[in-house]
Amino acid sequence: MSTAPPAEFREYNFDGLVGPTHHYGGLSHGNPASMQNRSLVAHPRLAVRQGLAKMRCLFELGVGQALIPPCIARSSKCFAESDSPAAISR
């Protein structure tokens, strides 16, 4: 009996793009790289380019690739009337 997965299965790599407020430095206490970078200026555009380059490399190697867009905070203008804090408190 074979333990290999059936041919219809495929591995996918899920990568998220960083958003405009990207900065991981200092957020992981005890992680040497995080602690060393906590006072440095972040470069979100460079981080996006690096992430896309990694995704392209994996894609070219035949790994399935899925993209998760950055989380964009919703402003109060984005809420529907029924979702507004005032409507919820009524």
N, C-alpha and C. Protein backbone atom coordinates (compact mmCIF):
# COMPACT_ATOMS: atom_id res chain seq x y z
N MET A 1 0.83 -1.18 0.00
CA MET A 1 0.00 0.00 0.00
C MET A 1 0.88 1.25 0.00
N SER A 2 0.61 2.17 -0.90
CA SER A 2 1.42 3.39 -1.04
C SER A 2 1.01 4.45 -0.03
N THR A 3 1.99 5.16 0.52
CA THR A 3 1.70 6.25 1.45
C THR A 3 1.77 7.60 0.76
N ALA A 4 2.08 7.63 -0.52
CA ALA A 4 2.16 8.89 -1.26
C ALA A 4 0.75 9.46 -1.44
N PRO A 5 0.61 10.80 -1.37
CA PRO A 5 -0.72 11.39 -1.55
C PRO A 5 -1.20 11.21 -2.99
N PRO A 6 -2.50 11.12 -3.17
CA PRO A 6 -3.04 11.00 -4.53
C PRO A 6 -2.59 12.18 -5.40
N ALA A 7 -2.53 11.98 -6.68
CA ALA A 7 -2.03 12.99 -7.62
C ALA A 7 -2.86 14.26 -7.61
N GLU A 8 -4.13 14.20 -7.17
CA GLU A 8 -4.96 15.41 -7.22
C GLU A 8 -4.67 16.38 -6.08
N PHE A 9 -3.82 16.01 -5.13
CA PHE A 9 -3.45 16.91 -4.05
C PHE A 9 -2.27 17.78 -4.49
N ARG A 10 -2.29 19.02 -4.07
CA ARG A 10 -1.20 19.93 -4.39
C ARG A 10 -0.93 20.82 -3.18
N GLU A 11 0.33 21.07 -2.92
CA GLU A 11 0.71 21.93 -1.81
C GLU A 11 0.63 23.39 -2.25
N TYR A 12 0.13 24.24 -1.37
CA TYR A 12 0.07 25.68 -1.64
C TYR A 12 0.77 26.43 -0.53
N ASN A 13 1.42 27.49 -0.89
CA ASN A 13 2.06 28.39 0.05
C ASN A 13 1.20 29.64 0.13
N PHE A 14 0.74 30.01 1.32
CA PHE A 14 -0.06 31.22 1.52
C PHE A 14 0.85 32.30 2.07
N ASP A 15 0.93 33.40 1.35
CA ASP A 15 1.75 34.53 1.78
C ASP A 15 0.89 35.77 1.87
N GLY A 16 1.11 36.53 2.92
CA GLY A 16 0.40 37.80 3.08
C GLY A 16 1.31 38.95 2.72
N LEU A 17 0.75 39.93 2.00
CA LEU A 17 1.51 41.16 1.73
C LEU A 17 1.42 42.06 2.94
N VAL A 18 2.50 42.71 3.25
CA VAL A 18 2.49 43.64 4.37
C VAL A 18 1.76 44.90 3.96
N GLY A 19 1.20 45.58 4.93
CA GLY A 19 0.48 46.82 4.67
C GLY A 19 1.35 48.04 4.88
N PRO A 20 0.77 49.22 4.73
CA PRO A 20 1.54 50.46 4.84
C PRO A 20 2.08 50.74 6.23
N THR A 21 1.58 50.08 7.25
CA THR A 21 2.08 50.30 8.61
C THR A 21 3.04 49.20 9.05
N HIS A 22 3.59 48.45 8.11
CA HIS A 22 4.48 47.32 8.40
C HIS A 22 5.65 47.70 9.29
N HIS A 23 5.82 46.97 10.36
CA HIS A 23 7.01 47.06 11.19
C HIS A 23 6.96 45.94 12.20
N TYR A 24 7.83 44.94 12.04
CA TYR A 24 7.85 43.81 12.95
C TYR A 24 8.90 43.95 14.04
N GLY A 25 9.77 44.92 13.93
CA GLY A 25 10.86 45.06 14.88
C GLY A 25 10.38 45.24 16.31
N GLY A 26 10.87 44.41 17.21
CA GLY A 26 10.55 44.53 18.63
C GLY A 26 9.25 43.90 19.04
N LEU A 27 8.49 43.33 18.10
CA LEU A 27 7.19 42.77 18.44
C LEU A 27 7.28 41.36 18.99
N SER A 28 8.40 40.73 18.84
CA SER A 28 8.55 39.35 19.31
C SER A 28 9.65 39.32 20.36
N HIS A 29 9.28 39.55 21.61
CA HIS A 29 10.25 39.61 22.70
C HIS A 29 11.02 38.30 22.78
N GLY A 30 12.33 38.40 22.80
CA GLY A 30 13.18 37.23 22.87
C GLY A 30 13.70 36.77 21.52
N ASN A 31 13.09 37.24 20.42
CA ASN A 31 13.56 36.90 19.09
C ASN A 31 14.70 37.85 18.76
N PRO A 32 15.93 37.34 18.60
CA PRO A 32 17.08 38.23 18.40
C PRO A 32 16.92 39.21 17.23
N ALA A 33 16.42 38.72 16.07
CA ALA A 33 16.27 39.61 14.91
C ALA A 33 15.25 40.71 15.21
N SER A 34 14.15 40.35 15.84
CA SER A 34 13.12 41.33 16.17
C SER A 34 13.67 42.38 17.15
N MET A 35 14.36 41.93 18.16
CA MET A 35 14.88 42.85 19.16
C MET A 35 15.96 43.76 18.58
N GLN A 36 16.79 43.26 17.68
CA GLN A 36 17.84 44.08 17.06
C GLN A 36 17.26 45.15 16.14
N ASN A 37 16.10 44.89 15.57
CA ASN A 37 15.52 45.82 14.59
C ASN A 37 14.45 46.74 15.17
N ARG A 38 14.21 46.68 16.47
CA ARG A 38 13.09 47.43 17.04
C ARG A 38 13.20 48.94 16.90
N SER A 39 14.40 49.48 16.80
CA SER A 39 14.53 50.94 16.69
C SER A 39 14.79 51.41 15.25
N LEU A 40 14.80 50.49 14.31
CA LEU A 40 15.07 50.85 12.92
C LEU A 40 13.80 51.32 12.21
N VAL A 41 13.98 52.11 11.18
CA VAL A 41 12.87 52.59 10.37
C VAL A 41 12.41 51.46 9.46
N ALA A 42 11.11 51.26 9.37
CA ALA A 42 10.56 50.21 8.51
C ALA A 42 10.45 50.72 7.07
N HIS A 43 10.50 49.81 6.13
CA HIS A 43 10.37 50.14 4.71
C HIS A 43 9.31 49.23 4.10
N PRO A 44 8.02 49.59 4.27
CA PRO A 44 6.93 48.73 3.81
C PRO A 44 6.98 48.40 2.31
N ARG A 45 7.33 49.36 1.46
CA ARG A 45 7.39 49.08 0.02
C ARG A 45 8.47 48.06 -0.31
N LEU A 46 9.60 48.18 0.34
CA LEU A 46 10.67 47.21 0.15
C LEU A 46 10.22 45.83 0.64
N ALA A 47 9.52 45.80 1.77
CA ALA A 47 9.03 44.53 2.31
C ALA A 47 8.05 43.87 1.34
N VAL A 48 7.19 44.67 0.70
CA VAL A 48 6.26 44.12 -0.29
C VAL A 48 7.03 43.54 -1.47
N ARG A 49 8.02 44.27 -1.96
CA ARG A 49 8.83 43.78 -3.09
C ARG A 49 9.55 42.47 -2.74
N GLN A 50 10.09 42.40 -1.53
CA GLN A 50 10.76 41.18 -1.10
C GLN A 50 9.78 40.01 -1.01
N GLY A 51 8.59 40.28 -0.48
CA GLY A 51 7.58 39.23 -0.40
C GLY A 51 7.15 38.74 -1.77
N LEU A 52 6.96 39.66 -2.71
CA LEU A 52 6.58 39.27 -4.07
C LEU A 52 7.69 38.48 -4.76
N ALA A 53 8.94 38.86 -4.51
CA ALA A 53 10.07 38.11 -5.10
C ALA A 53 10.10 36.68 -4.56
N LYS A 54 9.84 36.51 -3.28
CA LYS A 54 9.79 35.17 -2.69
C LYS A 54 8.66 34.36 -3.31
N MET A 55 7.48 34.99 -3.48
CA MET A 55 6.33 34.30 -4.07
C MET A 55 6.63 33.87 -5.50
N ARG A 56 7.27 34.75 -6.26
CA ARG A 56 7.61 34.42 -7.65
C ARG A 56 8.60 33.26 -7.70
N CYS A 57 9.58 33.28 -6.82
CA CYS A 57 10.57 32.20 -6.78
C CYS A 57 9.90 30.85 -6.50
N LEU A 58 9.03 30.81 -5.50
CA LEU A 58 8.33 29.56 -5.18
C LEU A 58 7.42 29.13 -6.33
N PHE A 59 6.74 30.10 -6.96
CA PHE A 59 5.86 29.79 -8.09
C PHE A 59 6.68 29.17 -9.23
N GLU A 60 7.84 29.75 -9.51
CA GLU A 60 8.69 29.23 -10.58
C GLU A 60 9.25 27.85 -10.26
N LEU A 61 9.30 27.50 -8.97
CA LEU A 61 9.73 26.16 -8.57
C LEU A 61 8.57 25.16 -8.62
N GLY A 62 7.38 25.66 -8.95
CA GLY A 62 6.22 24.78 -9.07
C GLY A 62 5.34 24.69 -7.85
N VAL A 63 5.63 25.49 -6.84
CA VAL A 63 4.81 25.48 -5.63
C VAL A 63 3.58 26.36 -5.88
N GLY A 64 2.41 25.83 -5.56
CA GLY A 64 1.19 26.63 -5.68
C GLY A 64 1.27 27.83 -4.76
N GLN A 65 0.81 28.98 -5.22
CA GLN A 65 0.98 30.22 -4.46
C GLN A 65 -0.37 30.90 -4.28
N ALA A 66 -0.67 31.30 -3.07
CA ALA A 66 -1.89 32.05 -2.77
C ALA A 66 -1.49 33.35 -2.08
N LEU A 67 -2.17 34.42 -2.41
CA LEU A 67 -1.85 35.75 -1.89
C LEU A 67 -2.95 36.22 -0.94
N ILE A 68 -2.54 36.67 0.23
CA ILE A 68 -3.46 37.26 1.20
C ILE A 68 -3.17 38.75 1.21
N PRO A 69 -4.15 39.59 0.83
CA PRO A 69 -3.91 41.04 0.79
C PRO A 69 -3.71 41.60 2.20
N PRO A 70 -3.09 42.78 2.29
CA PRO A 70 -2.90 43.38 3.61
C PRO A 70 -4.23 43.77 4.24
N CYS A 71 -4.24 43.77 5.55
CA CYS A 71 -5.44 44.17 6.28
C CYS A 71 -5.50 45.70 6.27
N ILE A 72 -6.61 46.22 5.81
CA ILE A 72 -6.81 47.66 5.79
C ILE A 72 -7.84 48.00 6.85
N ALA A 73 -7.48 48.85 7.78
CA ALA A 73 -8.40 49.24 8.84
C ALA A 73 -9.59 49.98 8.25
N ARG A 74 -10.77 49.62 8.71
CA ARG A 74 -11.98 50.29 8.20
C ARG A 74 -12.17 51.60 8.95
N SER A 75 -12.43 52.64 8.21
CA SER A 75 -12.75 53.91 8.85
C SER A 75 -14.23 53.95 9.13
N SER A 76 -14.66 54.91 9.91
CA SER A 76 -16.08 55.02 10.23
C SER A 76 -16.91 55.27 8.98
N LYS A 77 -16.32 55.84 7.92
CA LYS A 77 -17.04 56.09 6.67
C LYS A 77 -17.38 54.79 5.95
N CYS A 78 -16.64 53.71 6.25
CA CYS A 78 -16.83 52.44 5.57
C CYS A 78 -17.98 51.62 6.16
N PHE A 79 -18.42 51.96 7.37
CA PHE A 79 -19.49 51.20 8.00
C PHE A 79 -20.82 51.50 7.33
N ALA A 80 -21.60 50.47 7.13
CA ALA A 80 -22.97 50.68 6.67
C ALA A 80 -23.75 51.27 7.84
N GLU A 81 -24.85 51.91 7.57
CA GLU A 81 -25.67 52.51 8.62
C GLU A 81 -26.00 51.48 9.71
N SER A 82 -26.33 50.28 9.32
CA SER A 82 -26.71 49.25 10.29
C SER A 82 -25.52 48.75 11.11
N ASP A 83 -24.30 48.97 10.60
CA ASP A 83 -23.11 48.54 11.32
C ASP A 83 -22.49 49.63 12.18
N SER A 84 -23.02 50.82 12.08
CA SER A 84 -22.40 51.93 12.82
C SER A 84 -22.59 51.74 14.31
N PRO A 85 -21.65 52.22 15.12
CA PRO A 85 -21.79 52.10 16.58
C PRO A 85 -23.08 52.70 17.11
N ALA A 86 -23.54 53.80 16.49
CA ALA A 86 -24.78 54.44 16.94
C ALA A 86 -25.97 53.52 16.66
N ALA A 87 -25.98 52.85 15.51
CA ALA A 87 -27.10 51.97 15.17
C ALA A 87 -27.10 50.73 16.05
N ILE A 88 -25.92 50.26 16.41
CA ILE A 88 -25.83 49.07 17.26
C ILE A 88 -26.32 49.35 18.66
N SER A 89 -26.06 50.57 19.16
CA SER A 89 -26.44 50.89 20.54
C SER A 89 -27.93 51.21 20.70
N ARG A 90 -28.62 51.37 19.56
CA ARG A 90 -30.07 51.68 19.65
C ARG A 90 -30.90 50.51 20.04
